[in-house]
PDB file of N, CA and C in Angstrom:
ATOM      1  N   MET A   1       0.792  -1.255   0.077  1.00  0.00           N
ATOM      2  CA  MET A   1       0.173  -0.119   0.028  1.00  0.00           C
ATOM      3  C   MET A   1       0.944   1.474   0.002  1.00  0.00           C
ATOM      4  N   THR A   2       1.776   1.227   0.405  1.00  0.00           N
ATOM      5  CA  THR A   2       2.800   2.446   0.630  1.00  0.00           C
ATOM      6  C   THR A   2       3.295   2.790  -0.582  1.00  0.00           C
ATOM      7  N   THR A   3       3.540   1.694  -1.333  1.00  0.00           N
ATOM      8  CA  THR A   3       3.727   1.834  -2.995  1.00  0.00           C
ATOM      9  C   THR A   3       2.973   2.487  -3.922  1.00  0.00           C
ATOM     10  N   GLN A   4       1.620   2.294  -3.254  1.00  0.00           N
ATOM     11  CA  GLN A   4       0.672   2.941  -3.872  1.00  0.00           C
ATOM     12  C   GLN A   4       0.706   4.229  -3.636  1.00  0.00           C
ATOM     13  N   LYS A   5       0.847   4.858  -2.393  1.00  0.00           N
ATOM     14  CA  LYS A   5       0.650   6.261  -1.711  1.00  0.00           C
ATOM     15  C   LYS A   5       1.818   6.934  -2.310  1.00  0.00           C
ATOM     16  N   LYS A   6       3.121   6.332  -2.848  1.00  0.00           N
ATOM     17  CA  LYS A   6       4.023   7.247  -3.412  1.00  0.00           C
ATOM     18  C   LYS A   6       3.710   7.267  -4.801  1.00  0.00           C
ATOM     19  N   ILE A   7       3.316   6.145  -5.394  1.00  0.00           N
ATOM     20  CA  ILE A   7       3.124   6.827  -6.941  1.00  0.00           C
ATOM     21  C   ILE A   7       1.954   7.676  -7.173  1.00  0.00           C
ATOM     22  N   LYS A   8       0.776   7.437  -6.082  1.00  0.00           N
ATOM     23  CA  LYS A   8       0.071   8.884  -6.155  1.00  0.00           C
ATOM     24  C   LYS A   8       0.388   9.799  -5.981  1.00  0.00           C
ATOM     25  N   LYS A   9       1.367  10.195  -4.910  1.00  0.00           N
ATOM     26  CA  LYS A   9       1.710  11.517  -4.545  1.00  0.00           C
ATOM     27  C   LYS A   9       2.558  11.884  -5.655  1.00  0.00           C
ATOM     28  N   LYS A  10       3.494  10.859  -6.573  1.00  0.00           N
ATOM     29  CA  LYS A  10       4.350  11.141  -7.511  1.00  0.00           C
ATOM     30  C   LYS A  10       3.293  11.800  -8.864  1.00  0.00           C
ATOM     31  N   LYS A  11       2.118  11.525  -8.847  1.00  0.00           N
ATOM     32  CA  LYS A  11       1.248  11.707  -9.794  1.00  0.00           C
ATOM     33  C   LYS A  11       0.371  12.995  -9.739  1.00  0.00           C
ATOM     34  N   ARG A  12       0.561  14.152  -9.859  1.00  0.00           N
ATOM     35  CA  ARG A  12      -0.294  15.050  -9.315  1.00  0.00           C
ATOM     36  C   ARG A  12      -0.991  15.556 -10.784  1.00  0.00           C
ATOM     37  N   PRO A  13      -2.171  15.268 -11.349  1.00  0.00           N
ATOM     38  CA  PRO A  13      -2.442  15.808 -12.374  1.00  0.00           C
ATOM     39  C   PRO A  13      -2.762  17.253 -12.206  1.00  0.00           C
ATOM     40  N   LEU A  14      -2.881  18.087 -13.206  1.00  0.00           N
ATOM     41  CA  LEU A  14      -3.449  19.059 -13.272  1.00  0.00           C
ATOM     42  C   LEU A  14      -4.790  19.749 -12.660  1.00  0.00           C
ATOM     43  N   LEU A  15      -5.619  18.711 -12.913  1.00  0.00           N
ATOM     44  CA  LEU A  15      -6.974  19.029 -12.733  1.00  0.00           C
ATOM     45  C   LEU A  15      -7.052  18.894 -10.923  1.00  0.00           C
ATOM     46  N   TYR A  16      -6.204  18.049 -10.383  1.00  0.00           N
ATOM     47  CA  TYR A  16      -6.316  17.752  -9.064  1.00  0.00           C
ATOM     48  C   TYR A  16      -5.763  19.037  -8.387  1.00  0.00           C
ATOM     49  N   ILE A  17      -4.585  19.701  -8.894  1.00  0.00           N
ATOM     50  CA  ILE A  17      -4.192  21.313  -8.506  1.00  0.00           C
ATOM     51  C   ILE A  17      -5.210  21.987  -8.750  1.00  0.00           C
ATOM     52  N   LEU A  18      -5.664  22.595  -9.863  1.00  0.00           N
ATOM     53  CA  LEU A  18      -6.775  23.245  -9.831  1.00  0.00           C
ATOM     54  C   LEU A  18      -7.734  23.037  -9.391  1.00  0.00           C
ATOM     55  N   GLY A  19      -8.623  21.870  -9.123  1.00  0.00           N
ATOM     56  CA  GLY A  19      -9.539  21.685  -8.502  1.00  0.00           C
ATOM     57  C   GLY A  19      -9.691  21.719  -6.523  1.00  0.00           C
ATOM     58  N   GLY A  20      -8.408  22.133  -6.377  1.00  0.00           N
ATOM     59  CA  GLY A  20      -8.254  22.575  -4.938  1.00  0.00           C
ATOM     60  C   GLY A  20      -7.966  21.100  -4.047  1.00  0.00           C
ATOM     61  N   GLY A  21      -7.934  20.086  -4.765  1.00  0.00           N
ATOM     62  CA  GLY A  21      -7.469  18.844  -3.985  1.00  0.00           C
ATOM     63  C   GLY A  21      -6.256  18.620  -3.169  1.00  0.00           C
ATOM     64  N   ILE A  22      -5.391  19.458  -3.738  1.00  0.00           N
ATOM     65  CA  ILE A  22      -4.120  19.881  -3.007  1.00  0.00           C
ATOM     66  C   ILE A  22      -3.946  20.608  -1.712  1.00  0.00           C
ATOM     67  N   LEU A  23      -5.369  20.967  -1.556  1.00  0.00           N
ATOM     68  CA  LEU A  23      -5.393  22.364  -0.188  1.00  0.00           C
ATOM     69  C   LEU A  23      -5.965  21.050   0.905  1.00  0.00           C
ATOM     70  N   SER A  24      -6.147  19.691   0.604  1.00  0.00           N
ATOM     71  CA  SER A  24      -6.547  18.931   1.837  1.00  0.00           C
ATOM     72  C   SER A  24      -5.042  18.168   2.190  1.00  0.00           C
ATOM     73  N   GLU A  25      -4.407  18.261   1.691  1.00  0.00           N
ATOM     74  CA  GLU A  25      -3.070  17.579   1.990  1.00  0.00           C
ATOM     75  C   GLU A  25      -2.570  18.109   3.117  1.00  0.00           C
ATOM     76  N   ASP A  26      -2.179  16.823   3.715  1.00  0.00           N
ATOM     77  CA  ASP A  26      -1.529  17.252   5.148  1.00  0.00           C
ATOM     78  C   ASP A  26      -0.693  18.455   5.515  1.00  0.00           C
ATOM     79  N   PHE A  27       0.613  18.656   4.713  1.00  0.00           N
ATOM     80  CA  PHE A  27       1.394  19.538   4.629  1.00  0.00           C
ATOM     81  C   PHE A  27       0.626  21.048   4.470  1.00  0.00           C
ATOM     82  N   ILE A  28       0.107  21.305   3.664  1.00  0.00           N
ATOM     83  CA  ILE A  28      -0.750  22.333   3.742  1.00  0.00           C
ATOM     84  C   ILE A  28      -1.481  22.855   4.636  1.00  0.00           C
ATOM     85  N   ILE A  29      -2.137  21.882   5.202  1.00  0.00           N
ATOM     86  CA  ILE A  29      -2.962  21.983   6.432  1.00  0.00           C
ATOM     87  C   ILE A  29      -2.222  22.523   7.748  1.00  0.00           C
ATOM     88  N   LYS A  30      -1.387  21.657   7.637  1.00  0.00           N
ATOM     89  CA  LYS A  30      -0.252  22.046   9.111  1.00  0.00           C
ATOM     90  C   LYS A  30       0.253  23.515   8.940  1.00  0.00           C
ATOM     91  N   HIS A  31       0.911  23.569   7.887  1.00  0.00           N
ATOM     92  CA  HIS A  31       1.329  24.999   7.024  1.00  0.00           C
ATOM     93  C   HIS A  31       0.513  26.312   6.757  1.00  0.00           C
ATOM     94  N   THR A  32      -0.504  26.150   7.130  1.00  0.00           N
ATOM     95  CA  THR A  32      -1.402  27.340   6.483  1.00  0.00           C
ATOM     96  C   THR A  32      -1.418  28.577   6.922  1.00  0.00           C
ATOM     97  N   ARG A  33      -0.979  28.512   8.427  1.00  0.00           N
ATOM     98  CA  ARG A  33      -0.752  30.260   9.097  1.00  0.00           C
ATOM     99  C   ARG A  33       0.764  30.479   8.281  1.00  0.00           C
ATOM    100  N   MET A  34       1.745  30.062   7.911  1.00  0.00           N
ATOM    101  CA  MET A  34       2.911  30.318   7.195  1.00  0.00           C
ATOM    102  C   MET A  34       2.559  30.487   5.803  1.00  0.00           C
ATOM    103  N   ILE A  35       1.643  29.877   5.104  1.00  0.00           N
ATOM    104  CA  ILE A  35       1.593  30.162   3.763  1.00  0.00           C
ATOM    105  C   ILE A  35       0.736  31.423   3.475  1.00  0.00           C
ATOM    106  N   VAL A  36      -0.171  31.773   4.495  1.00  0.00           N
ATOM    107  CA  VAL A  36      -0.616  32.847   4.490  1.00  0.00           C
ATOM    108  C   VAL A  36       0.095  33.911   4.735  1.00  0.00           C
ATOM    109  N   LEU A  37       0.919  33.954   5.491  1.00  0.00           N
ATOM    110  CA  LEU A  37       1.748  34.933   5.757  1.00  0.00           C
ATOM    111  C   LEU A  37       2.728  35.552   5.062  1.00  0.00           C
ATOM    112  N   ILE A  38       2.991  34.352   4.424  1.00  0.00           N
ATOM    113  CA  ILE A  38       3.806  34.536   2.975  1.00  0.00           C
ATOM    114  C   ILE A  38       3.048  35.401   1.704  1.00  0.00           C
ATOM    115  N   VAL A  39       1.722  34.955   1.380  1.00  0.00           N
ATOM    116  CA  VAL A  39       1.029  35.468   0.800  1.00  0.00           C
ATOM    117  C   VAL A  39       0.762  36.721   0.688  1.00  0.00           C
ATOM    118  N   ILE A  40       0.591  37.076   2.096  1.00  0.00           N
ATOM    119  CA  ILE A  40       0.052  38.831   2.525  1.00  0.00           C
ATOM    120  C   ILE A  40       1.496  39.340   2.293  1.00  0.00           C
ATOM    121  N   LEU A  41       2.845  38.830   2.769  1.00  0.00           N
ATOM    122  CA  LEU A  41       3.990  39.373   2.512  1.00  0.00           C
ATOM    123  C   LEU A  41       4.283  39.949   1.087  1.00  0.00           C
ATOM    124  N   ILE A  42       4.059  38.838   0.104  1.00  0.00           N
ATOM    125  CA  ILE A  42       4.379  38.821  -1.142  1.00  0.00           C
ATOM    126  C   ILE A  42       3.361  40.174  -1.874  1.00  0.00           C
ATOM    127  N   PHE A  43       2.095  40.270  -1.547  1.00  0.00           N
ATOM    128  CA  PHE A  43       1.271  41.244  -1.718  1.00  0.00           C
ATOM    129  C   PHE A  43       1.793  42.621  -1.353  1.00  0.00           C
ATOM    130  N   PHE A  44       2.331  42.430   0.032  1.00  0.00           N
ATOM    131  CA  PHE A  44       2.712  43.914   0.708  1.00  0.00           C
ATOM    132  C   PHE A  44       4.114  44.347  -0.272  1.00  0.00           C
ATOM    133  N   PHE A  45       5.352  43.310  -0.738  1.00  0.00           N
ATOM    134  CA  PHE A  45       6.184  43.788  -1.565  1.00  0.00           C
ATOM    135  C   PHE A  45       5.884  44.040  -2.462  1.00  0.00           C
ATOM    136  N   ILE A  46       4.924  43.586  -3.309  1.00  0.00           N
ATOM    137  CA  ILE A  46       4.396  44.163  -4.840  1.00  0.00           C
ATOM    138  C   ILE A  46       4.039  45.248  -4.752  1.00  0.00           C
ATOM    139  N   GLY A  47       3.067  45.567  -3.787  1.00  0.00           N
ATOM    140  CA  GLY A  47       2.529  47.090  -3.645  1.00  0.00           C
ATOM    141  C   GLY A  47       3.339  48.141  -3.256  1.00  0.00           C
ATOM    142  N   ASN A  48       4.212  47.944  -2.439  1.00  0.00           N
ATOM    143  CA  ASN A  48       5.578  48.423  -1.902  1.00  0.00           C
ATOM    144  C   ASN A  48       6.480  48.685  -3.430  1.00  0.00           C
ATOM    145  N   ARG A  49       6.972  47.806  -4.147  1.00  0.00           N
ATOM    146  CA  ARG A  49       7.579  48.232  -5.358  1.00  0.00           C
ATOM    147  C   ARG A  49       6.934  48.906  -6.444  1.00  0.00           C
ATOM    148  N   TYR A  50       5.442  48.733  -6.212  1.00  0.00           N
ATOM    149  CA  TYR A  50       4.631  49.502  -7.453  1.00  0.00           C
ATOM    150  C   TYR A  50       4.689  51.041  -7.054  1.00  0.00           C
ATOM    151  N   THR A  51       4.350  51.325  -5.646  1.00  0.00           N
ATOM    152  CA  THR A  51       4.525  52.785  -5.191  1.00  0.00           C
ATOM    153  C   THR A  51       5.816  53.452  -5.351  1.00  0.00           C
ATOM    154  N   CYS A  52       6.916  52.787  -4.860  1.00  0.00           N
ATOM    155  CA  CYS A  52       8.399  52.966  -5.257  1.00  0.00           C
ATOM    156  C   CYS A  52       8.605  53.091  -7.246  1.00  0.00           C
ATOM    157  N   MET A  53       8.328  52.676  -7.581  1.00  0.00           N
ATOM    158  CA  MET A  53       8.139  52.739  -9.166  1.00  0.00           C
ATOM    159  C   MET A  53       7.286  54.032  -9.576  1.00  0.00           C
ATOM    160  N   GLN A  54       5.941  54.317  -9.156  1.00  0.00           N
ATOM    161  CA  GLN A  54       5.548  55.595  -9.325  1.00  0.00           C
ATOM    162  C   GLN A  54       6.319  56.963  -8.616  1.00  0.00           C
ATOM    163  N   LYS A  55       6.983  56.506  -7.978  1.00  0.00           N
ATOM    164  CA  LYS A  55       7.757  57.697  -7.094  1.00  0.00           C
ATOM    165  C   LYS A  55       8.669  57.981  -7.531  1.00  0.00           C
ATOM    166  N   LEU A  56       9.522  57.428  -8.251  1.00  0.00           N
ATOM    167  CA  LEU A  56      10.674  57.264  -9.222  1.00  0.00           C
ATOM    168  C   LEU A  56      10.478  58.053 -10.240  1.00  0.00           C
ATOM    169  N   ARG A  57       9.146  57.732 -11.259  1.00  0.00           N
ATOM    170  CA  ARG A  57       8.425  58.051 -12.087  1.00  0.00           C
ATOM    171  C   ARG A  57       8.589  59.649 -12.125  1.00  0.00           C
ATOM    172  N   GLU A  58       7.753  59.964 -10.839  1.00  0.00           N
ATOM    173  CA  GLU A  58       7.526  61.362 -10.311  1.00  0.00           C
ATOM    174  C   GLU A  58       8.701  62.061 -10.528  1.00  0.00           C
ATOM    175  N   ILE A  59       9.577  61.770  -9.568  1.00  0.00           N
ATOM    176  CA  ILE A  59      10.821  62.643  -9.760  1.00  0.00           C
ATOM    177  C   ILE A  59      11.585  62.512 -11.186  1.00  0.00           C
ATOM    178  N   ASP A  60      11.625  61.751 -11.870  1.00  0.00           N
ATOM    179  CA  ASP A  60      12.187  62.032 -12.972  1.00  0.00           C
ATOM    180  C   ASP A  60      11.835  63.081 -13.972  1.00  0.00           C
ATOM    181  N   ARG A  61       9.912  63.019 -13.666  1.00  0.00           N
ATOM    182  CA  ARG A  61       9.363  63.850 -14.623  1.00  0.00           C
ATOM    183  C   ARG A  61       9.548  65.293 -13.912  1.00  0.00           C
ATOM    184  N   LEU A  62       9.836  65.618 -12.501  1.00  0.00           N
ATOM    185  CA  LEU A  62      10.366  66.773 -11.930  1.00  0.00           C
ATOM    186  C   LEU A  62      11.454  67.225 -12.314  1.00  0.00           C
ATOM    187  N   GLN A  63      12.681  66.360 -12.300  1.00  0.00           N
ATOM    188  CA  GLN A  63      13.654  66.685 -12.628  1.00  0.00           C
ATOM    189  C   GLN A  63      14.163  67.137 -14.049  1.00  0.00           C
ATOM    190  N   GLN A  64      13.564  66.440 -14.854  1.00  0.00           N
ATOM    191  CA  GLN A  64      13.337  67.225 -16.695  1.00  0.00           C
ATOM    192  C   GLN A  64      12.711  68.197 -16.318  1.00  0.00           C
ATOM    193  N   GLN A  65      11.638  68.800 -15.503  1.00  0.00           N
ATOM    194  CA  GLN A  65      11.027  70.011 -15.522  1.00  0.00           C
ATOM    195  C   GLN A  65      11.727  70.864 -15.210  1.00  0.00           C
ATOM    196  N   LEU A  66      12.453  70.500 -14.081  1.00  0.00           N
ATOM    197  CA  LEU A  66      13.406  71.687 -13.180  1.00  0.00           C
ATOM    198  C   LEU A  66      14.718  71.990 -14.405  1.00  0.00           C
ATOM    199  N   ARG A  67      15.333  70.934 -15.051  1.00  0.00           N
ATOM    200  CA  ARG A  67      16.053  71.290 -16.218  1.00  0.00           C
ATOM    201  C   ARG A  67      15.728  72.139 -17.021  1.00  0.00           C
ATOM    202  N   ASP A  68      14.447  71.879 -17.449  1.00  0.00           N
ATOM    203  CA  ASP A  68      13.439  72.825 -18.814  1.00  0.00           C
ATOM    204  C   ASP A  68      13.512  74.194 -17.988  1.00  0.00           C
ATOM    205  N   VAL A  69      12.976  74.339 -16.820  1.00  0.00           N
ATOM    206  CA  VAL A  69      12.945  75.580 -16.547  1.00  0.00           C
ATOM    207  C   VAL A  69      14.077  76.425 -15.798  1.00  0.00           C
ATOM    208  N   ARG A  70      15.406  75.733 -15.569  1.00  0.00           N
ATOM    209  CA  ARG A  70      16.647  76.346 -15.415  1.00  0.00           C
ATOM    210  C   ARG A  70      17.134  76.974 -16.828  1.00  0.00           C
ATOM    211  N   PHE A  71      17.025  75.858 -17.922  1.00  0.00           N
ATOM    212  CA  PHE A  71      17.142  76.681 -19.027  1.00  0.00           C
ATOM    213  C   PHE A  71      16.635  77.644 -19.484  1.00  0.00           C
ATOM    214  N   GLU A  72      15.265  77.934 -19.259  1.00  0.00           N
ATOM    215  CA  GLU A  72      14.513  78.736 -19.797  1.00  0.00           C
ATOM    216  C   GLU A  72      14.916  80.048 -18.960  1.00  0.00           C
ATOM    217  N   ALA A  73      15.194  79.924 -17.628  1.00  0.00           N
ATOM    218  CA  ALA A  73      15.715  81.021 -16.568  1.00  0.00           C
ATOM    219  C   ALA A  73      17.067  81.691 -17.304  1.00  0.00           C
ATOM    220  N   LEU A  74      18.120  80.686 -17.419  1.00  0.00           N
ATOM    221  CA  LEU A  74      19.102  81.044 -18.197  1.00  0.00           C
ATOM    222  C   LEU A  74      19.137  81.950 -19.496  1.00  0.00           C
ATOM    223  N   SER A  75      18.247  80.923 -20.094  1.00  0.00           N
ATOM    224  CA  SER A  75      18.084  82.341 -21.579  1.00  0.00           C
ATOM    225  C   SER A  75      17.655  83.558 -21.466  1.00  0.00           C
ATOM    226  N   ILE A  76      16.575  83.278 -20.345  1.00  0.00           N
ATOM    227  CA  ILE A  76      15.842  84.871 -20.143  1.00  0.00           C
ATOM    228  C   ILE A  76      17.116  85.803 -19.445  1.00  0.00           C
ATOM    229  N   SER A  77      17.638  85.337 -18.403  1.00  0.00           N
ATOM    230  CA  SER A  77      18.829  86.094 -18.243  1.00  0.00           C
ATOM    231  C   SER A  77      19.938  86.682 -18.751  1.00  0.00           C
ATOM    232  N   SER A  78      20.048  85.846 -20.117  1.00  0.00           N
ATOM    233  CA  SER A  78      21.386  86.146 -20.899  1.00  0.00           C
ATOM    234  C   SER A  78      20.429  87.063 -21.940  1.00  0.00           C
ATOM    235  N   GLU A  79      19.234  86.941 -22.218  1.00  0.00           N
ATOM    236  CA  GLU A  79      18.480  88.130 -22.944  1.00  0.00           C
ATOM    237  C   GLU A  79      18.471  89.304 -22.341  1.00  0.00           C
ATOM    238  N   LEU A  80      18.018  89.347 -21.080  1.00  0.00           N
ATOM    239  CA  LEU A  80      18.170  90.665 -20.188  1.00  0.00           C
ATOM    240  C   LEU A  80      19.446  91.164 -20.258  1.00  0.00           C
ATOM    241  N   THR A  81      20.547  90.522 -20.176  1.00  0.00           N
ATOM    242  CA  THR A  81      21.550  90.823 -20.128  1.00  0.00           C
ATOM    243  C   THR A  81      22.159  91.647 -21.017  1.00  0.00           C
ATOM    244  N   GLY A  82      21.803  90.788 -22.392  1.00  0.00           N
ATOM    245  CA  GLY A  82      22.334  91.727 -23.841  1.00  0.00           C
ATOM    246  C   GLY A  82      21.409  93.099 -24.074  1.00  0.00           C
ATOM    247  N   ASN A  83      20.351  92.843 -23.556  1.00  0.00           N
ATOM    248  CA  ASN A  83      19.234  94.165 -23.814  1.00  0.00           C
ATOM    249  C   ASN A  83      19.410  95.547 -22.923  1.00  0.00           C
ATOM    250  N   SER A  84      20.383  95.018 -21.712  1.00  0.00           N
ATOM    251  CA  SER A  84      20.757  96.111 -21.029  1.00  0.00           C
ATOM    252  C   SER A  84      21.989  96.639 -21.206  1.00  0.00           C
ATOM    253  N   ARG A  85      22.853  96.406 -22.504  1.00  0.00           N
ATOM    254  CA  ARG A  85      23.908  96.859 -22.456  1.00  0.00           C
ATOM    255  C   ARG A  85      23.601  98.545 -23.025  1.00  0.00           C
ATOM    256  N   GLN A  86      24.543  99.337 -22.700  1.00  0.00           N
ATOM    257  CA  GLN A  86      24.493 100.578 -23.011  1.00  0.00           C
ATOM    258  C   GLN A  86      24.137 101.180 -24.489  1.00  0.00           C
ATOM    259  N   SER A  87      24.922 100.127 -25.303  1.00  0.00           N
ATOM    260  CA  SER A  87      24.942 100.302 -26.736  1.00  0.00           C
ATOM    261  C   SER A  87      23.530  99.815 -27.209  1.00  0.00           C
ATOM    262  N   GLN A  88      22.990  98.821 -26.831  1.00  0.00           N
ATOM    263  CA  GLN A  88      21.648  98.320 -26.916  1.00  0.00           C
ATOM    264  C   GLN A  88      20.762  98.944 -26.599  1.00  0.00           C
ATOM    265  N   ILE A  89      20.829  99.824 -25.336  1.00  0.00           N
ATOM    266  CA  ILE A  89      19.704 100.679 -25.088  1.00  0.00           C
ATOM    267  C   ILE A  89      19.797 101.963 -25.842  1.00  0.00           C
ATOM    268  N   GLU A  90      20.987 102.476 -26.229  1.00  0.00           N
ATOM    269  CA  GLU A  90      21.041 103.481 -27.198  1.00  0.00           C
ATOM    270  C   GLU A  90      20.664 103.354 -28.789  1.00  0.00           C
ATOM    271  N   MET A  91      20.558 102.028 -29.237  1.00  0.00           N
ATOM    272  CA  MET A  91      19.676 101.664 -30.536  1.00  0.00           C
ATOM    273  C   MET A  91      18.383 101.597 -30.099  1.00  0.00           C
ATOM    274  N   LEU A  92      17.767 101.431 -29.232  1.00  0.00           N
ATOM    275  CA  LEU A  92      16.417 101.110 -29.055  1.00  0.00           C
ATOM    276  C   LEU A  92      15.702 102.573 -28.654  1.00  0.00           C
ATOM    277  N   ILE A  93      16.635 103.659 -28.321  1.00  0.00           N
ATOM    278  CA  ILE A  93      16.055 104.621 -28.172  1.00  0.00           C
ATOM    279  C   ILE A  93      16.344 105.375 -29.663  1.00  0.00           C
ATOM    280  N   GLU A  94      16.957 105.092 -30.486  1.00  0.00           N
ATOM    281  CA  GLU A  94      17.152 105.819 -31.766  1.00  0.00           C
ATOM    282  C   GLU A  94      16.055 105.218 -32.817  1.00  0.00           C
ATOM    283  N   GLU A  95      15.808 103.707 -32.385  1.00  0.00           N
ATOM    284  CA  GLU A  95      14.863 103.232 -33.456  1.00  0.00           C
ATOM    285  C   GLU A  95      13.155 103.705 -33.157  1.00  0.00           C
ATOM    286  N   GLN A  96      13.045 104.042 -31.865  1.00  0.00           N
ATOM    287  CA  GLN A  96      11.675 104.562 -31.288  1.00  0.00           C
ATOM    288  C   GLN A  96      11.585 106.099 -31.462  1.00  0.00           C
ATOM    289  N   GLY A  97      12.770 106.455 -32.122  1.00  0.00           N
ATOM    290  CA  GLY A  97      12.499 107.846 -31.773  1.00  0.00           C
ATOM    291  C   GLY A  97      12.459 108.993 -30.996  1.00  0.00           C
ATOM    292  N   ILE A  98      13.023 108.675 -29.864  1.00  0.00           N
ATOM    293  CA  ILE A  98      13.000 109.528 -28.334  1.00  0.00           C
ATOM    294  C   ILE A  98      14.067 110.176 -28.391  1.00  0.00           C
ATOM    295  N   GLU A  99      14.133 111.543 -28.086  1.00  0.00           N
ATOM    296  CA  GLU A  99      15.384 112.521 -28.364  1.00  0.00           C
ATOM    297  C   GLU A  99      15.881 112.595 -27.129  1.00  0.00           C
ATOM    298  N   LEU A 100      16.963 111.699 -26.767  1.00  0.00           N
ATOM    299  CA  LEU A 100      17.604 111.365 -25.454  1.00  0.00           C
ATOM    300  C   LEU A 100      18.915 111.258 -25.739  1.00  0.00           C
ATOM    301  N   GLU A 101      20.032 111.611 -25.105  1.00  0.00           N
ATOM    302  CA  GLU A 101      21.523 111.795 -25.779  1.00  0.00           C
ATOM    303  C   GLU A 101      22.161 110.989 -24.555  1.00  0.00           C
ATOM    304  N   SER A 102      23.416 110.093 -24.526  1.00  0.00           N
ATOM    305  CA  SER A 102      24.135 110.006 -23.560  1.00  0.00           C
ATOM    306  C   SER A 102      24.581 111.221 -22.569  1.00  0.00           C
ATOM    307  N   ALA A 103      24.776 111.073 -21.632  1.00  0.00           N
ATOM    308  CA  ALA A 103      25.601 112.235 -20.930  1.00  0.00           C
ATOM    309  C   ALA A 103      27.041 112.451 -21.519  1.00  0.00           C
ATOM    310  N   LYS A 104      27.618 113.243 -21.252  1.00  0.00           N
ATOM    311  CA  LYS A 104      28.965 113.907 -21.927  1.00  0.00           C
ATOM    312  C   LYS A 104      29.902 114.164 -21.088  1.00  0.00           C
ATOM    313  N   THR A 105      29.704 113.989 -19.946  1.00  0.00           N
ATOM    314  CA  THR A 105      30.383 114.432 -18.528  1.00  0.00           C
ATOM    315  C   THR A 105      30.051 113.229 -17.616  1.00  0.00           C
ATOM    316  N   PRO A 106      31.039 112.359 -16.868  1.00  0.00           N
ATOM    317  CA  PRO A 106      30.634 111.457 -15.899  1.00  0.00           C
ATOM    318  C   PRO A 106      30.245 111.997 -14.827  1.00  0.00           C
ATOM    319  N   PRO A 107      29.228 111.174 -14.423  1.00  0.00           N
ATOM    320  CA  PRO A 107      28.728 111.647 -13.140  1.00  0.00           C
ATOM    321  C   PRO A 107      29.236 112.092 -12.032  1.00  0.00           C
ATOM    322  N   TYR A 108      29.054 112.872 -10.986  1.00  0.00           N
ATOM    323  CA  TYR A 108      29.642 113.410  -9.615  1.00  0.00           C
ATOM    324  C   TYR A 108      29.030 112.826  -8.909  1.00  0.00           C
ATOM    325  N   VAL A 109      30.125 112.417  -7.698  1.00  0.00           N
ATOM    326  CA  VAL A 109      30.046 111.794  -6.479  1.00  0.00           C
ATOM    327  C   VAL A 109      29.796 113.134  -5.422  1.00  0.00           C
ATOM    328  N   VAL A 110      28.873 113.204  -4.710  1.00  0.00           N
ATOM    329  CA  VAL A 110      28.321 114.435  -3.852  1.00  0.00           C
ATOM    330  C   VAL A 110      28.710 113.668  -2.102  1.00  0.00           C
ATOM    331  N   TYR A 111      29.622 114.165  -1.661  1.00  0.00           N
ATOM    332  CA  TYR A 111      29.489 113.597  -0.112  1.00  0.00           C
ATOM    333  C   TYR A 111      29.089 114.786   0.813  1.00  0.00           C
ATOM    334  N   LYS A 112      28.650 114.386   1.796  1.00  0.00           N
ATOM    335  CA  LYS A 112      28.347 115.007   2.836  1.00  0.00           C
ATOM    336  C   LYS A 112      29.123 115.834   3.682  1.00  0.00           C
TER     337      LYS A 112
END
């Protein structure tokens, strides 16, 4: 009879496993708590990984947005620097027809 049990244990048809017959085995019944704990931990780790992946994607998106904003700020700053040069201001004044001239004498510093 023991050889029949060994043969029966070796042959596990797919229908036996999918039908739930494996849940009535002694090993499964004895270790039900451990199996439930392992399944809960697996779900926890999968959820944790999913949350981490979402946060990493958000960090990458924000870093790209930061690079874009820095580049835009740098280009605006360089444009402002170029437009605030004295020669550029004089050219803009002439283009608009405003009758202003640059000072011929340097400014004086008045002390008290």
